[in-house]
Structures are given as structure tokens and as C-alpha cells.
Amino acid sequence: MNKNEMVNNIADETGLAKKDVEAVVNGVLDEVADALSNNEKVQLVGFGTFEARERSSRKGRNPQTGEAIDIPASTVPAFRPGNKLKEAVK
């Protein structure tokens, strides 16, 4: 499912205008991204937790040449699913 399909499904289920639903979905995604960029957690009870995690620097290999390379430290987004989501997927 992509974002447009999600917006259409939510609009059909709620009876709201697609334009309004799209604005809300975009707002939620923007807020999650803003919180993660400020190194804050976003916890949606039952669904899961979004957080920024630190990756340390490490050694890697260039797959074309086999040459050893240094991969710098970075911050990456991570998601940990909640119990309700885990049960829904089973």
C-alpha cells in the first residue's frame, strides 16, 4: 500500500474529504520526521515506537573491488512494533 492508497482507504472509511485526510497523513509523517531529527521518540501506544539510533563507525568492503573501506558513524531512524501490531500481523 502506498500513501495515496492509504489516503483513499481512510477517506472511504471515515467519509472525510481526501484532501483533508491527505493533510492529516502528511502532518503526522512530518511530525514524526521532525521529532526524530530532534532525537526524540514518538510512541504510539499499541502501534509502536519510532526513534533515532546511533550507528558506530565500522569497517566494510567495496563489493566491486574487495577493498576495505571505513563507514562513518551515522544516525538512522528505527521502528519497534507494539503488541497490538504484532498480534495483528500474526
C-alpha atoms as a PDB file:
ATOM      1  CA  MET A   1       0.000   0.000   0.000  1.00  0.00           C
ATOM      2  CA  ASN A   2       1.330   3.434  -0.847  1.00  0.00           C
ATOM      3  CA  LYS A   3       0.356   6.785   0.670  1.00  0.00           C
ATOM      4  CA  ASN A   4      -2.315   7.536  -1.961  1.00  0.00           C
ATOM      5  CA  GLU A   5      -3.987   4.180  -1.377  1.00  0.00           C
ATOM      6  CA  MET A   6      -3.908   4.801   2.372  1.00  0.00           C
ATOM      7  CA  VAL A   7      -5.493   8.227   1.948  1.00  0.00           C
ATOM      8  CA  ASN A   8      -8.216   6.767  -0.286  1.00  0.00           C
ATOM      9  CA  ASN A   9      -8.971   3.939   2.184  1.00  0.00           C
ATOM     10  CA  ILE A  10      -9.159   6.300   5.161  1.00  0.00           C
ATOM     11  CA  ALA A  11     -11.361   8.729   3.232  1.00  0.00           C
ATOM     12  CA  ASP A  12     -13.726   5.890   2.269  1.00  0.00           C
ATOM     13  CA  GLU A  13     -13.889   4.554   5.850  1.00  0.00           C
ATOM     14  CA  THR A  14     -14.416   7.921   7.536  1.00  0.00           C
ATOM     15  CA  GLY A  15     -16.392   9.826   4.923  1.00  0.00           C
ATOM     16  CA  LEU A  16     -13.921  12.720   5.096  1.00  0.00           C
ATOM     17  CA  ALA A  17     -12.633  14.523   2.016  1.00  0.00           C
ATOM     18  CA  LYS A  18      -9.464  13.054   0.506  1.00  0.00           C
ATOM     19  CA  LYS A  19      -7.841  16.483   0.669  1.00  0.00           C
ATOM     20  CA  ASP A  20      -8.424  16.662   4.431  1.00  0.00           C
ATOM     21  CA  VAL A  21      -7.208  13.096   5.021  1.00  0.00           C
ATOM     22  CA  GLU A  22      -4.069  13.755   2.954  1.00  0.00           C
ATOM     23  CA  ALA A  23      -3.328  16.871   5.013  1.00  0.00           C
ATOM     24  CA  VAL A  24      -3.629  14.873   8.255  1.00  0.00           C
ATOM     25  CA  VAL A  25      -1.470  11.989   6.987  1.00  0.00           C
ATOM     26  CA  ASN A  26       1.203  14.420   5.761  1.00  0.00           C
ATOM     27  CA  GLY A  27       1.040  16.251   9.100  1.00  0.00           C
ATOM     28  CA  VAL A  28       1.574  13.049  11.068  1.00  0.00           C
ATOM     29  CA  LEU A  29       4.519  11.997   8.904  1.00  0.00           C
ATOM     30  CA  ASP A  30       6.077  15.470   9.153  1.00  0.00           C
ATOM     31  CA  GLU A  31       5.743  15.456  12.950  1.00  0.00           C
ATOM     32  CA  VAL A  32       7.382  12.031  13.207  1.00  0.00           C
ATOM     33  CA  ALA A  33      10.257  13.182  10.980  1.00  0.00           C
ATOM     34  CA  ASP A  34      10.682  16.423  12.977  1.00  0.00           C
ATOM     35  CA  ALA A  35      10.738  14.552  16.282  1.00  0.00           C
ATOM     36  CA  LEU A  36      13.313  12.059  15.015  1.00  0.00           C
ATOM     37  CA  SER A  37      15.506  14.857  13.677  1.00  0.00           C
ATOM     38  CA  ASN A  38      15.435  16.366  17.198  1.00  0.00           C
ATOM     39  CA  ASN A  39      16.432  12.960  18.632  1.00  0.00           C
ATOM     40  CA  GLU A  40      13.025  12.470  20.284  1.00  0.00           C
ATOM     41  CA  LYS A  41      10.992   9.257  20.453  1.00  0.00           C
ATOM     42  CA  VAL A  42       7.489   9.017  19.010  1.00  0.00           C
ATOM     43  CA  GLN A  43       5.438   6.403  20.845  1.00  0.00           C
ATOM     44  CA  LEU A  44       2.047   5.364  19.502  1.00  0.00           C
ATOM     45  CA  VAL A  45       0.629   3.020  22.136  1.00  0.00           C
ATOM     46  CA  GLY A  46      -0.316  -0.326  20.618  1.00  0.00           C
ATOM     47  CA  PHE A  47       1.246   0.528  17.243  1.00  0.00           C
ATOM     48  CA  GLY A  48       4.912   1.058  18.014  1.00  0.00           C
ATOM     49  CA  THR A  49       7.775   3.427  18.708  1.00  0.00           C
ATOM     50  CA  PHE A  50       9.832   5.443  16.249  1.00  0.00           C
ATOM     51  CA  GLU A  51      13.281   6.524  17.432  1.00  0.00           C
ATOM     52  CA  ALA A  52      16.652   7.684  16.144  1.00  0.00           C
ATOM     53  CA  ARG A  53      19.513   5.268  16.786  1.00  0.00           C
ATOM     54  CA  GLU A  54      23.237   5.874  16.629  1.00  0.00           C
ATOM     55  CA  ARG A  55      25.340   3.603  14.441  1.00  0.00           C
ATOM     56  CA  SER A  56      29.029   3.487  15.263  1.00  0.00           C
ATOM     57  CA  SER A  57      31.696   3.672  12.583  1.00  0.00           C
ATOM     58  CA  ARG A  58      32.794   0.348  11.186  1.00  0.00           C
ATOM     59  CA  LYS A  59      34.866  -1.335   8.512  1.00  0.00           C
ATOM     60  CA  GLY A  60      33.263  -2.519   5.307  1.00  0.00           C
ATOM     61  CA  ARG A  61      34.250  -3.834   1.890  1.00  0.00           C
ATOM     62  CA  ASN A  62      33.667  -2.389  -1.538  1.00  0.00           C
ATOM     63  CA  PRO A  63      31.753  -5.217  -3.266  1.00  0.00           C
ATOM     64  CA  GLN A  64      33.270  -4.431  -6.680  1.00  0.00           C
ATOM     65  CA  THR A  65      36.935  -4.270  -5.676  1.00  0.00           C
ATOM     66  CA  GLY A  66      37.017  -6.045  -2.318  1.00  0.00           C
ATOM     67  CA  GLU A  67      38.902  -3.043  -0.927  1.00  0.00           C
ATOM     68  CA  ALA A  68      38.431  -2.305   2.800  1.00  0.00           C
ATOM     69  CA  ILE A  69      36.631   0.994   3.460  1.00  0.00           C
ATOM     70  CA  ASP A  70      35.680   2.978   6.555  1.00  0.00           C
ATOM     71  CA  ILE A  71      31.948   3.506   7.050  1.00  0.00           C
ATOM     72  CA  PRO A  72      31.399   6.628   9.184  1.00  0.00           C
ATOM     73  CA  ALA A  73      29.123   6.803  12.234  1.00  0.00           C
ATOM     74  CA  SER A  74      25.535   7.850  11.490  1.00  0.00           C
ATOM     75  CA  THR A  75      22.107   8.334  12.994  1.00  0.00           C
ATOM     76  CA  VAL A  76      19.319   6.222  11.490  1.00  0.00           C
ATOM     77  CA  PRO A  77      15.560   6.012  12.069  1.00  0.00           C
ATOM     78  CA  ALA A  78      14.267   2.830  13.712  1.00  0.00           C
ATOM     79  CA  PHE A  79      10.841   1.366  14.446  1.00  0.00           C
ATOM     80  CA  ARG A  80       9.927  -1.054  17.225  1.00  0.00           C
ATOM     81  CA  PRO A  81       6.408  -2.531  16.785  1.00  0.00           C
ATOM     82  CA  GLY A  82       3.902  -2.572  19.633  1.00  0.00           C
ATOM     83  CA  ASN A  83       1.989  -5.592  20.903  1.00  0.00           C
ATOM     84  CA  LYS A  84      -1.257  -4.842  19.057  1.00  0.00           C
ATOM     85  CA  LEU A  85       0.585  -4.522  15.756  1.00  0.00           C
ATOM     86  CA  LYS A  86       2.487  -7.749  16.377  1.00  0.00           C
ATOM     87  CA  GLU A  87      -0.761  -9.587  17.106  1.00  0.00           C
ATOM     88  CA  ALA A  88      -2.457  -8.137  14.009  1.00  0.00           C
ATOM     89  CA  VAL A  89       0.338  -9.392  11.769  1.00  0.00           C
ATOM     90  CA  LYS A  90       0.362 -12.967  13.163  1.00  0.00           C
END
